[in-house]
Amino acid sequence: MTCLFNTSKFRLVESCSHILAEELPKNPLVNDLWEAVQKNEDLSKRIIDRTTCCHLLVLDSLLNGKRVVVANTHLYFHPNADHIRLLQSCVALRLTQNLRNCQLELGKEVSLLFCGDINSTPGSGVFELMTLQHIDHSNEAWSSKPEEAVRDLSLYINPIAMETACGTPPFTNYTSGFSGCLDYIFFEKSKLVVEQVVPLPSLEEVT
C-alpha cells in the first residue's frame, strides 16, 4: 500500500502502518470492539484471519505549516462481509483520530483525509459511518452474515464530520461482473474544501 505526495508542497512528519486485526486484541483504543467480537467465535476467527492494513501519514504543509493526517486502506472484500468492513473501518478510524488528536495536543492545526478502496457502495454501513458520523447497533450491516453478527455495540459515533471529495460517481470499479462506487477520498469538511476533481472515465470509455 502506497501513499504518494508532492514533496514540493509537503514534508513527511510521521508514517506508520497497522494490521487492523492485530490492533483489536491489544489496543485499548478498541477495547469495546474487541469485547463485542469475542462474543462470537465465528466472527472472531474471520476478522482475526484478515491481514487488512491501514497506512497513516502526518504531512506538514510547506506553505503554511498546517498538518494533514492521511489514512489509506483497502478493506476486506466479500459479498457477505459488510460487518467485517464496518469493524475494520471502526478500528482504522480510531487509529486515525488518535493520531490526529496527538497532533492537536502538540498545538498543531490539523485536518484529516481518509482514503482507499472501501469495498462499500453508497448506502452501506461503512459509508453511513463516514458521512453521517454514526451507525446504530440495529443497522443491518452488523449482521450481513447472520451467524457472525456483531451484537451488543451501542450507537457508534464517528466524531469527525466528513464528506467525499469526488462525490459518489456511478462507478470507480468496472468489470464484466460488477460495477459500482467502492473507492473514496473522505475529507474533514470543517477544515478542507474541494477545489477541483479529475473527471473519471465515462461508461462509454470503459466498455
Protein backbone atom coordinates (compact mmCIF):
# COMPACT_ATOMS: atom_id res chain seq x y z
CA MET A 1 0.00 0.00 0.00
CA THR A 2 1.44 3.36 -1.05
CA CYS A 3 0.59 6.99 -0.39
CA LEU A 4 2.20 9.48 -2.74
CA PHE A 5 2.51 13.19 -2.00
CA ASN A 6 4.10 16.23 -3.59
CA THR A 7 7.41 16.89 -1.81
CA SER A 8 7.45 20.46 -3.07
CA LYS A 9 4.30 21.10 -1.02
CA PHE A 10 4.52 18.71 1.93
CA ARG A 11 7.09 17.31 4.34
CA LEU A 12 6.67 13.87 5.88
CA VAL A 13 6.47 14.12 9.66
CA GLU A 14 5.42 10.59 10.55
CA SER A 15 4.47 7.34 8.85
CA CYS A 16 3.15 4.10 10.35
CA SER A 17 1.18 1.04 9.29
CA HIS A 18 -1.22 -1.12 11.28
CA ILE A 19 -2.68 -4.56 10.64
CA LEU A 20 -6.21 -3.84 11.82
CA ALA A 21 -6.90 -7.33 13.17
CA GLU A 22 -3.75 -7.17 15.30
CA GLU A 23 -4.95 -3.96 16.93
CA LEU A 24 -8.22 -5.49 18.16
CA PRO A 25 -6.88 -7.71 20.98
CA LYS A 26 -4.09 -5.39 22.13
CA ASN A 27 -5.00 -1.74 21.60
CA PRO A 28 -7.01 -0.07 24.40
CA LEU A 29 -8.48 2.32 21.83
CA VAL A 30 -10.67 -0.51 20.51
CA ASN A 31 -11.48 -2.46 23.68
CA ASP A 32 -15.23 -2.12 23.15
CA LEU A 33 -14.97 -3.51 19.63
CA TRP A 34 -12.86 -6.46 20.73
CA GLU A 35 -15.26 -7.29 23.55
CA ALA A 36 -18.13 -7.44 21.06
CA VAL A 37 -16.11 -9.54 18.59
CA GLN A 38 -15.10 -12.09 21.23
CA LYS A 39 -18.72 -12.93 21.96
CA ASN A 40 -18.96 -14.69 18.59
CA GLU A 41 -16.33 -17.34 17.84
CA ASP A 42 -17.03 -17.42 14.09
CA LEU A 43 -16.81 -13.64 13.89
CA SER A 44 -13.62 -13.56 15.94
CA LYS A 45 -11.88 -16.11 13.73
CA ARG A 46 -12.94 -14.46 10.50
CA ILE A 47 -11.79 -10.96 11.37
CA ILE A 48 -8.56 -12.06 13.07
CA ASP A 49 -7.60 -14.00 9.94
CA ARG A 50 -7.75 -10.84 7.84
CA THR A 51 -4.49 -9.01 7.07
CA THR A 52 -6.11 -5.70 6.14
CA CYS A 53 -3.72 -2.81 6.69
CA CYS A 54 -4.15 0.89 7.40
CA HIS A 55 -1.30 3.20 6.46
CA LEU A 56 -1.15 6.52 8.33
CA LEU A 57 0.85 9.62 7.44
CA VAL A 58 1.31 13.01 9.03
CA LEU A 59 2.22 15.64 6.44
CA ASP A 60 3.38 19.17 7.16
CA SER A 61 2.45 21.87 4.64
CA LEU A 62 5.49 23.77 3.42
CA LEU A 63 3.17 26.66 2.57
CA ASN A 64 1.58 27.37 5.95
CA GLY A 65 2.82 24.80 8.47
CA LYS A 66 -0.60 23.20 8.86
CA ARG A 67 -0.68 19.44 9.09
CA VAL A 68 -2.73 16.74 7.40
CA VAL A 69 -3.29 13.25 8.77
CA VAL A 70 -3.82 10.85 5.87
CA ALA A 71 -5.25 7.35 6.29
CA ASN A 72 -5.09 4.88 3.42
CA THR A 73 -6.64 1.41 3.50
CA HIS A 74 -8.13 -1.40 1.43
CA LEU A 75 -10.96 -3.06 3.31
CA TYR A 76 -11.83 -6.75 3.04
CA PHE A 77 -13.85 -7.84 0.03
CA HIS A 78 -16.64 -10.40 0.27
CA PRO A 79 -20.35 -10.06 -0.56
CA ASN A 80 -21.41 -11.11 2.96
CA ALA A 81 -18.78 -9.11 4.84
CA ASP A 82 -20.35 -5.71 5.49
CA HIS A 83 -19.93 -6.39 9.21
CA ILE A 84 -16.21 -7.14 8.78
CA ARG A 85 -15.64 -3.98 6.77
CA LEU A 86 -17.59 -1.99 9.34
CA LEU A 87 -15.42 -3.31 12.18
CA GLN A 88 -12.27 -2.68 10.15
CA SER A 89 -13.33 0.88 9.42
CA CYS A 90 -14.11 1.47 13.10
CA VAL A 91 -10.61 0.33 14.07
CA ALA A 92 -9.00 2.41 11.32
CA LEU A 93 -10.99 5.49 12.35
CA ARG A 94 -9.94 5.12 15.99
CA LEU A 95 -6.27 4.90 14.99
CA THR A 96 -6.61 7.85 12.63
CA GLN A 97 -8.44 10.02 15.13
CA ASN A 98 -5.88 9.19 17.82
CA LEU A 99 -3.05 10.32 15.55
CA ARG A 100 -4.99 13.49 14.74
CA ASN A 101 -5.55 14.15 18.45
CA CYS A 102 -1.83 13.70 19.14
CA GLN A 103 -1.10 16.44 16.61
CA LEU A 104 -3.69 18.71 18.20
CA GLU A 105 -2.06 18.15 21.59
CA LEU A 106 1.21 19.35 20.07
CA GLY A 107 -0.56 22.59 19.22
CA LYS A 108 -0.73 21.89 15.51
CA GLU A 109 -3.58 22.87 13.23
CA VAL A 110 -4.51 19.59 11.60
CA SER A 111 -7.07 18.19 9.17
CA LEU A 112 -7.96 14.65 8.15
CA LEU A 113 -8.14 12.65 4.92
CA PHE A 114 -9.37 9.04 4.92
CA CYS A 115 -8.81 7.33 1.59
CA GLY A 116 -8.90 3.95 -0.04
CA ASP A 117 -10.74 1.06 -1.57
CA ILE A 118 -13.50 0.73 1.00
CA ASN A 119 -15.27 -2.06 -0.92
CA SER A 120 -18.56 -0.48 0.13
CA THR A 121 -21.16 1.25 -2.00
CA PRO A 122 -23.05 4.43 -1.06
CA GLY A 123 -25.76 3.46 1.40
CA SER A 124 -23.62 0.81 3.07
CA GLY A 125 -22.87 0.80 6.77
CA VAL A 126 -19.30 1.97 6.25
CA PHE A 127 -20.42 4.85 4.04
CA GLU A 128 -23.04 5.83 6.61
CA LEU A 129 -20.45 5.83 9.39
CA MET A 130 -18.09 8.00 7.38
CA THR A 131 -20.62 10.57 6.19
CA LEU A 132 -23.39 10.63 8.81
CA GLN A 133 -20.99 10.24 11.77
CA HIS A 134 -22.85 7.39 13.44
CA ILE A 135 -24.22 3.93 12.93
CA ASP A 136 -26.83 2.34 15.16
CA HIS A 137 -26.48 -1.17 16.59
CA SER A 138 -29.63 -2.15 14.71
CA ASN A 139 -28.16 -1.37 11.27
CA GLU A 140 -28.39 -4.47 9.06
CA ALA A 141 -24.71 -4.10 8.12
CA TRP A 142 -23.74 -5.52 11.52
CA SER A 143 -25.39 -8.82 10.56
CA SER A 144 -24.57 -9.21 6.87
CA LYS A 145 -23.72 -12.83 7.74
CA PRO A 146 -26.22 -13.74 10.50
CA GLU A 147 -24.07 -16.38 12.19
CA GLU A 148 -21.28 -13.79 12.54
CA ALA A 149 -23.50 -10.89 13.59
CA VAL A 150 -21.95 -8.20 15.78
CA ARG A 151 -24.02 -7.82 18.95
CA ASP A 152 -24.05 -5.52 21.96
CA LEU A 153 -22.49 -2.48 20.33
CA SER A 154 -24.50 0.65 21.08
CA LEU A 155 -24.63 3.69 18.81
CA TYR A 156 -21.18 4.01 17.26
CA ILE A 157 -20.00 7.60 16.81
CA ASN A 158 -17.52 9.00 14.32
CA PRO A 159 -16.74 12.41 15.86
CA ILE A 160 -15.27 13.93 12.70
CA ALA A 161 -17.72 15.15 10.05
CA MET A 162 -16.53 14.03 6.62
CA GLU A 163 -17.62 14.21 3.00
CA THR A 164 -16.43 12.50 -0.16
CA ALA A 165 -14.13 14.62 -2.28
CA CYS A 166 -15.39 13.13 -5.55
CA GLY A 167 -19.00 12.58 -4.55
CA THR A 168 -20.46 9.18 -5.43
CA PRO A 169 -19.85 8.53 -9.13
CA PRO A 170 -21.70 5.66 -10.82
CA PHE A 171 -18.59 3.53 -10.61
CA THR A 172 -14.97 3.56 -9.50
CA ASN A 173 -14.74 -0.16 -10.23
CA TYR A 174 -15.96 -1.60 -13.52
CA THR A 175 -15.73 -5.26 -14.51
CA SER A 176 -17.85 -7.66 -16.53
CA GLY A 177 -19.46 -8.91 -13.33
CA PHE A 178 -19.73 -5.77 -11.23
CA SER A 179 -19.68 -2.00 -11.45
CA GLY A 180 -20.12 0.42 -8.59
CA CYS A 181 -18.61 3.11 -6.41
CA LEU A 182 -16.19 1.46 -3.96
CA ASP A 183 -13.29 3.92 -3.69
CA TYR A 184 -13.36 7.21 -1.82
CA ILE A 185 -11.41 10.16 -0.50
CA PHE A 186 -13.21 11.29 2.65
CA PHE A 187 -12.15 14.69 3.96
CA GLU A 188 -12.79 16.67 7.14
CA LYS A 189 -15.35 19.12 5.85
CA SER A 190 -14.86 21.77 8.54
CA LYS A 191 -11.18 22.11 7.58
CA LEU A 192 -10.88 21.34 3.87
CA VAL A 193 -12.62 22.40 0.67
CA VAL A 194 -12.64 20.61 -2.68
CA GLU A 195 -11.38 22.95 -5.40
CA GLN A 196 -11.07 20.59 -8.33
CA VAL A 197 -11.83 16.98 -9.26
CA VAL A 198 -10.19 14.99 -12.04
CA PRO A 199 -13.04 13.61 -14.20
CA LEU A 200 -13.48 9.84 -14.10
CA PRO A 201 -13.80 7.81 -17.32
CA SER A 202 -17.27 7.64 -18.82
CA LEU A 203 -19.23 4.42 -19.25
CA GLU A 204 -18.52 4.57 -22.98
CA GLU A 205 -14.78 4.78 -22.33
CA VAL A 206 -14.67 1.66 -20.16
CA THR A 207 -16.97 -0.53 -22.24
